[in-house]
C-alpha atoms as a PDB file:
ATOM      1  CA  MET A   1     -17.540  15.342   5.259  1.00  0.00           C
ATOM      2  CA  ASN A   2     -17.723  18.114   2.693  1.00  0.00           C
ATOM      3  CA  ARG A   3     -17.686  16.450  -0.715  1.00  0.00           C
ATOM      4  CA  LYS A   4     -17.802  19.610  -2.789  1.00  0.00           C
ATOM      5  CA  ALA A   5     -15.081  21.751  -4.321  1.00  0.00           C
ATOM      6  CA  THR A   6     -14.956  24.704  -6.678  1.00  0.00           C
ATOM      7  CA  PHE A   7     -12.046  25.336  -8.987  1.00  0.00           C
ATOM      8  CA  THR A   8     -11.084  26.873 -12.298  1.00  0.00           C
ATOM      9  CA  LEU A   9      -8.853  24.845 -14.561  1.00  0.00           C
ATOM     10  CA  ASP A  10      -5.653  26.481 -15.729  1.00  0.00           C
ATOM     11  CA  GLN A  11      -3.220  25.595 -18.465  1.00  0.00           C
ATOM     12  CA  LEU A  12      -0.949  23.757 -16.046  1.00  0.00           C
ATOM     13  CA  ASP A  13      -3.846  21.485 -15.035  1.00  0.00           C
ATOM     14  CA  LEU A  14      -4.404  20.574 -18.677  1.00  0.00           C
ATOM     15  CA  ARG A  15      -0.680  19.966 -19.266  1.00  0.00           C
ATOM     16  CA  ARG A  16      -0.555  17.710 -16.238  1.00  0.00           C
ATOM     17  CA  ALA A  17      -3.643  15.862 -17.468  1.00  0.00           C
ATOM     18  CA  VAL A  18      -2.079  15.287 -20.896  1.00  0.00           C
ATOM     19  CA  ARG A  19       1.113  14.051 -19.249  1.00  0.00           C
ATOM     20  CA  LEU A  20      -0.770  11.656 -16.963  1.00  0.00           C
ATOM     21  CA  HIS A  21      -2.870  10.435 -19.892  1.00  0.00           C
ATOM     22  CA  ALA A  22       0.199   9.818 -22.066  1.00  0.00           C
ATOM     23  CA  PHE A  23       2.272   8.048 -19.422  1.00  0.00           C
ATOM     24  CA  SER A  24      -0.581   5.919 -18.094  1.00  0.00           C
ATOM     25  CA  GLY A  25      -1.693   5.044 -21.614  1.00  0.00           C
ATOM     26  CA  ILE A  26       1.734   3.802 -22.643  1.00  0.00           C
ATOM     27  CA  ARG A  27       1.642   1.272 -19.776  1.00  0.00           C
ATOM     28  CA  GLU A  28      -1.702  -0.259 -20.758  1.00  0.00           C
ATOM     29  CA  LYS A  29      -1.636  -3.836 -22.027  1.00  0.00           C
ATOM     30  CA  ARG A  30      -3.272  -3.104 -25.376  1.00  0.00           C
ATOM     31  CA  THR A  31      -0.899  -0.210 -26.043  1.00  0.00           C
ATOM     32  CA  ILE A  32       2.105  -2.391 -25.269  1.00  0.00           C
ATOM     33  CA  ILE A  33       0.754  -5.068 -27.627  1.00  0.00           C
ATOM     34  CA  ARG A  34       0.199  -2.503 -30.412  1.00  0.00           C
ATOM     35  CA  LEU A  35       3.689  -1.070 -29.980  1.00  0.00           C
ATOM     36  CA  ALA A  36       5.193  -4.584 -29.977  1.00  0.00           C
ATOM     37  CA  VAL A  37       3.373  -5.410 -33.222  1.00  0.00           C
ATOM     38  CA  LEU A  38       4.611  -2.164 -34.739  1.00  0.00           C
ATOM     39  CA  TRP A  39       8.151  -3.049 -33.646  1.00  0.00           C
ATOM     40  CA  LEU A  40       7.862  -6.543 -35.186  1.00  0.00           C
ATOM     41  CA  ILE A  41       6.612  -5.088 -38.472  1.00  0.00           C
ATOM     42  CA  ALA A  42       9.516  -2.615 -38.557  1.00  0.00           C
ATOM     43  CA  MET A  43      12.006  -5.386 -37.818  1.00  0.00           C
ATOM     44  CA  ALA A  44      10.492  -7.628 -40.511  1.00  0.00           C
ATOM     45  CA  ALA A  45      10.647  -4.764 -43.010  1.00  0.00           C
ATOM     46  CA  PHE A  46      14.306  -4.123 -42.098  1.00  0.00           C
ATOM     47  CA  VAL A  47      15.266  -7.777 -42.496  1.00  0.00           C
ATOM     48  CA  GLY A  48      13.218  -8.145 -45.684  1.00  0.00           C
ATOM     49  CA  PHE A  49      14.654  -5.026 -47.290  1.00  0.00           C
ATOM     50  CA  PHE A  50      18.303  -5.851 -46.607  1.00  0.00           C
ATOM     51  CA  SER A  51      17.838  -9.547 -47.430  1.00  0.00           C
ATOM     52  CA  ALA A  52      16.305  -8.583 -50.778  1.00  0.00           C
ATOM     53  CA  ALA A  53      19.213  -6.197 -51.333  1.00  0.00           C
ATOM     54  CA  GLY A  54      21.579  -9.157 -51.020  1.00  0.00           C
ATOM     55  CA  MET A  55      23.090  -8.589 -47.579  1.00  0.00           C
ATOM     56  CA  PRO A  56      24.336 -11.925 -46.198  1.00  0.00           C
ATOM     57  CA  TRP A  57      22.567 -13.174 -43.047  1.00  0.00           C
ATOM     58  CA  PRO A  58      25.672 -13.154 -40.756  1.00  0.00           C
ATOM     59  CA  GLU A  59      26.304  -9.504 -41.587  1.00  0.00           C
ATOM     60  CA  LEU A  60      22.616  -8.615 -41.267  1.00  0.00           C
ATOM     61  CA  ARG A  61      22.370 -10.367 -37.904  1.00  0.00           C
ATOM     62  CA  GLY A  62      25.151  -8.132 -36.577  1.00  0.00           C
ATOM     63  CA  HIS A  63      23.033  -5.055 -37.327  1.00  0.00           C
ATOM     64  CA  LEU A  64      19.783  -6.332 -35.776  1.00  0.00           C
ATOM     65  CA  TRP A  65      20.404  -5.196 -32.174  1.00  0.00           C
ATOM     66  CA  PRO A  66      21.326  -1.601 -33.012  1.00  0.00           C
ATOM     67  CA  PHE A  67      18.377  -1.360 -35.397  1.00  0.00           C
ATOM     68  CA  ALA A  68      16.027  -2.910 -32.809  1.00  0.00           C
ATOM     69  CA  LEU A  69      17.087  -0.263 -30.269  1.00  0.00           C
ATOM     70  CA  VAL A  70      16.658   2.548 -32.803  1.00  0.00           C
ATOM     71  CA  ILE A  71      13.145   1.310 -33.622  1.00  0.00           C
ATOM     72  CA  ILE A  72      12.229   1.108 -29.916  1.00  0.00           C
ATOM     73  CA  ALA A  73      13.504   4.644 -29.337  1.00  0.00           C
ATOM     74  CA  THR A  74      11.633   5.901 -32.407  1.00  0.00           C
ATOM     75  CA  ILE A  75       8.351   4.257 -31.447  1.00  0.00           C
ATOM     76  CA  LEU A  76       8.502   5.452 -27.833  1.00  0.00           C
ATOM     77  CA  GLY A  77       9.679   8.889 -28.916  1.00  0.00           C
ATOM     78  CA  ALA A  78       6.760   9.254 -31.290  1.00  0.00           C
ATOM     79  CA  SER A  79       4.214   7.753 -28.878  1.00  0.00           C
ATOM     80  CA  LEU A  80       5.180  10.000 -25.984  1.00  0.00           C
ATOM     81  CA  GLY A  81       7.142  12.815 -27.560  1.00  0.00           C
ATOM     82  CA  ILE A  82       4.564  14.029 -30.042  1.00  0.00           C
ATOM     83  CA  PRO A  83       1.685  14.373 -27.551  1.00  0.00           C
ATOM     84  CA  LEU A  84       3.929  15.916 -24.907  1.00  0.00           C
ATOM     85  CA  ALA A  85       5.627  18.308 -27.328  1.00  0.00           C
ATOM     86  CA  LEU A  86       2.427  19.461 -29.014  1.00  0.00           C
ATOM     87  CA  SER A  87       0.230  19.684 -25.922  1.00  0.00           C
ATOM     88  CA  PRO A  88       1.351  23.192 -24.860  1.00  0.00           C
ATOM     89  CA  LEU A  89       0.377  24.533 -28.301  1.00  0.00           C
ATOM     90  CA  VAL A  90      -2.982  22.765 -28.274  1.00  0.00           C
ATOM     91  CA  ILE A  91      -3.717  23.853 -24.693  1.00  0.00           C
ATOM     92  CA  ARG A  92      -2.914  27.509 -25.385  1.00  0.00           C
ATOM     93  CA  ARG A  93      -5.194  27.435 -28.402  1.00  0.00           C
ATOM     94  CA  ARG A  94      -7.950  25.705 -26.448  1.00  0.00           C
ATOM     95  CA  PHE A  95      -7.770  28.349 -23.727  1.00  0.00           C
ATOM     96  CA  LYS A  96      -8.112  31.086 -26.328  1.00  0.00           C
ATOM     97  CA  GLN A  97     -11.073  29.461 -28.097  1.00  0.00           C
ATOM     98  CA  ASP A  98     -12.986  27.462 -25.476  1.00  0.00           C
ATOM     99  CA  LYS A  99     -14.634  29.814 -22.997  1.00  0.00           C
ATOM    100  CA  LEU A 100     -16.166  26.969 -20.995  1.00  0.00           C
ATOM    101  CA  VAL A 101     -12.781  25.582 -20.005  1.00  0.00           C
ATOM    102  CA  ARG A 102     -11.963  28.899 -18.275  1.00  0.00           C
ATOM    103  CA  LYS A 103     -15.167  29.026 -16.212  1.00  0.00           C
ATOM    104  CA  PRO A 104     -15.364  27.840 -12.599  1.00  0.00           C
ATOM    105  CA  VAL A 105     -16.380  24.240 -11.960  1.00  0.00           C
ATOM    106  CA  SER A 106     -18.368  23.166  -8.908  1.00  0.00           C
ATOM    107  CA  ALA A 107     -17.642  19.495  -8.353  1.00  0.00           C
ATOM    108  CA  GLY A 108     -18.943  16.980  -5.889  1.00  0.00           C
ATOM    109  CA  TRP A 109     -19.168  13.251  -5.392  1.00  0.00           C
ATOM    110  CA  ASP A 110     -20.911  10.592  -3.403  1.00  0.00           C
ATOM    111  CA  GLU A 111     -20.802   6.806  -3.318  1.00  0.00           C
ATOM    112  CA  GLU A 112     -22.763   6.605  -6.587  1.00  0.00           C
ATOM    113  CA  ALA A 113     -21.510   9.365  -8.892  1.00  0.00           C
ATOM    114  CA  TYR A 114     -19.300  12.338  -9.687  1.00  0.00           C
ATOM    115  CA  GLU A 115     -21.050  15.614 -10.387  1.00  0.00           C
ATOM    116  CA  ALA A 116     -19.655  18.699 -12.097  1.00  0.00           C
ATOM    117  CA  GLU A 117     -21.432  21.945 -12.831  1.00  0.00           C
ATOM    118  CA  GLN A 118     -20.480  25.024 -14.804  1.00  0.00           C
ATOM    119  CA  PRO A 119     -22.626  27.913 -15.981  1.00  0.00           C
ATOM    120  CA  GLY A 120     -25.095  26.321 -18.378  1.00  0.00           C
ATOM    121  CA  VAL A 121     -23.696  22.803 -17.972  1.00  0.00           C
ATOM    122  CA  HIS A 122     -24.526  20.183 -15.380  1.00  0.00           C
ATOM    123  CA  ASN A 123     -23.606  16.528 -15.374  1.00  0.00           C
ATOM    124  CA  ARG A 124     -23.820  13.684 -12.933  1.00  0.00           C
ATOM    125  CA  ILE A 125     -22.028  10.553 -14.080  1.00  0.00           C
ATOM    126  CA  ALA A 126     -22.262   7.290 -12.173  1.00  0.00           C
ATOM    127  CA  TRP A 127     -18.913   5.834 -11.179  1.00  0.00           C
ATOM    128  CA  ARG A 128     -19.742   2.647 -13.090  1.00  0.00           C
ATOM    129  CA  ASP A 129     -19.968   4.679 -16.314  1.00  0.00           C
ATOM    130  CA  TYR A 130     -16.345   5.773 -16.132  1.00  0.00           C
ATOM    131  CA  MET A 131     -14.066   3.607 -18.200  1.00  0.00           C
ATOM    132  CA  LYS A 132     -11.031   4.172 -15.989  1.00  0.00           C
ATOM    133  CA  ILE A 133      -9.719   6.563 -13.398  1.00  0.00           C
ATOM    134  CA  ARG A 134      -6.122   7.746 -13.132  1.00  0.00           C
ATOM    135  CA  GLU A 135      -4.495   9.687 -10.351  1.00  0.00           C
ATOM    136  CA  ASP A 136      -1.149  11.307  -9.712  1.00  0.00           C
ATOM    137  CA  ARG A 137       0.069  13.770  -7.115  1.00  0.00           C
ATOM    138  CA  HIS A 138      -1.626  16.694  -8.881  1.00  0.00           C
ATOM    139  CA  LEU A 139      -5.002  15.482 -10.124  1.00  0.00           C
ATOM    140  CA  PHE A 140      -7.609  12.857 -10.785  1.00  0.00           C
ATOM    141  CA  LEU A 141      -8.540  11.998 -14.373  1.00  0.00           C
ATOM    142  CA  LEU A 142     -11.989  10.479 -14.767  1.00  0.00           C
ATOM    143  CA  PHE A 143     -12.189   8.806 -18.196  1.00  0.00           C
ATOM    144  CA  ILE A 144     -15.525   8.676 -19.988  1.00  0.00           C
ATOM    145  CA  SER A 145     -13.763   7.153 -23.026  1.00  0.00           C
ATOM    146  CA  ASP A 146     -10.168   6.645 -24.142  1.00  0.00           C
ATOM    147  CA  TYR A 147      -9.868  10.296 -25.137  1.00  0.00           C
ATOM    148  CA  SER A 148     -12.508  12.107 -23.126  1.00  0.00           C
ATOM    149  CA  TYR A 149     -11.915  12.763 -19.470  1.00  0.00           C
ATOM    150  CA  GLN A 150     -12.808  15.097 -16.650  1.00  0.00           C
ATOM    151  CA  ILE A 151     -10.086  16.724 -14.577  1.00  0.00           C
ATOM    152  CA  LEU A 152     -10.310  17.175 -10.826  1.00  0.00           C
ATOM    153  CA  PRO A 153      -7.214  19.017  -9.577  1.00  0.00           C
ATOM    154  CA  LYS A 154      -6.090  18.049  -6.094  1.00  0.00           C
ATOM    155  CA  ARG A 155      -5.151  21.672  -5.386  1.00  0.00           C
ATOM    156  CA  ALA A 156      -8.909  22.327  -5.042  1.00  0.00           C
ATOM    157  CA  LEU A 157      -9.339  19.602  -2.417  1.00  0.00           C
ATOM    158  CA  THR A 158      -8.389  19.222   1.213  1.00  0.00           C
ATOM    159  CA  GLN A 159      -6.373  16.214   2.352  1.00  0.00           C
ATOM    160  CA  GLU A 160      -9.547  14.782   3.884  1.00  0.00           C
ATOM    161  CA  GLN A 161     -11.424  15.162   0.603  1.00  0.00           C
ATOM    162  CA  ILE A 162      -8.598  13.477  -1.311  1.00  0.00           C
ATOM    163  CA  ALA A 163      -8.602  10.575   1.136  1.00  0.00           C
ATOM    164  CA  ASP A 164     -12.392  10.311   0.936  1.00  0.00           C
ATOM    165  CA  LEU A 165     -12.376  10.304  -2.861  1.00  0.00           C
ATOM    166  CA  GLN A 166      -9.597   7.692  -2.917  1.00  0.00           C
ATOM    167  CA  ARG A 167     -11.693   5.555  -0.545  1.00  0.00           C
ATOM    168  CA  VAL A 168     -14.771   5.886  -2.773  1.00  0.00           C
ATOM    169  CA  LEU A 169     -12.713   5.003  -5.857  1.00  0.00           C
ATOM    170  CA  ALA A 170     -11.055   2.038  -4.155  1.00  0.00           C
ATOM    171  CA  ALA A 171     -14.495   0.618  -3.340  1.00  0.00           C
ATOM    172  CA  LEU A 172     -15.476   0.492  -7.035  1.00  0.00           C
END
């Protein structure tokens, strides 16, 4: 089995990575807890403000559901919308400034580690050192931290390589 691939990242790869990162991050338990706490604080502020302004409780209670839905939409819109809306601008700028991101990557893996090499840069990171790994139909994201990840586009791999990598990752 050939466990090596060479590819050059393009802007679409980075957009897909940002999208996968955003959508997988929003489903994580700690993110859901943080968003729920933010929602509770916003609801408490709403109730406190209008109670202090003298609005009677029966009237205030009638406005809680619409406000709760507006707050949910606002929180989710900001959590997903901002990263997704700004990512094309950031990616274009990164491609203009960061020459390394435009250079070919030679990647490979075995049962112990993932290896990536570019001109002047070589790393071999043990699978156990990755915090998490995400996958969609276009790529693998290998997270070193919450915000730092390596991208392995599936377009650079054969179906056999994808299956092999999925097998290696499932065994972790």
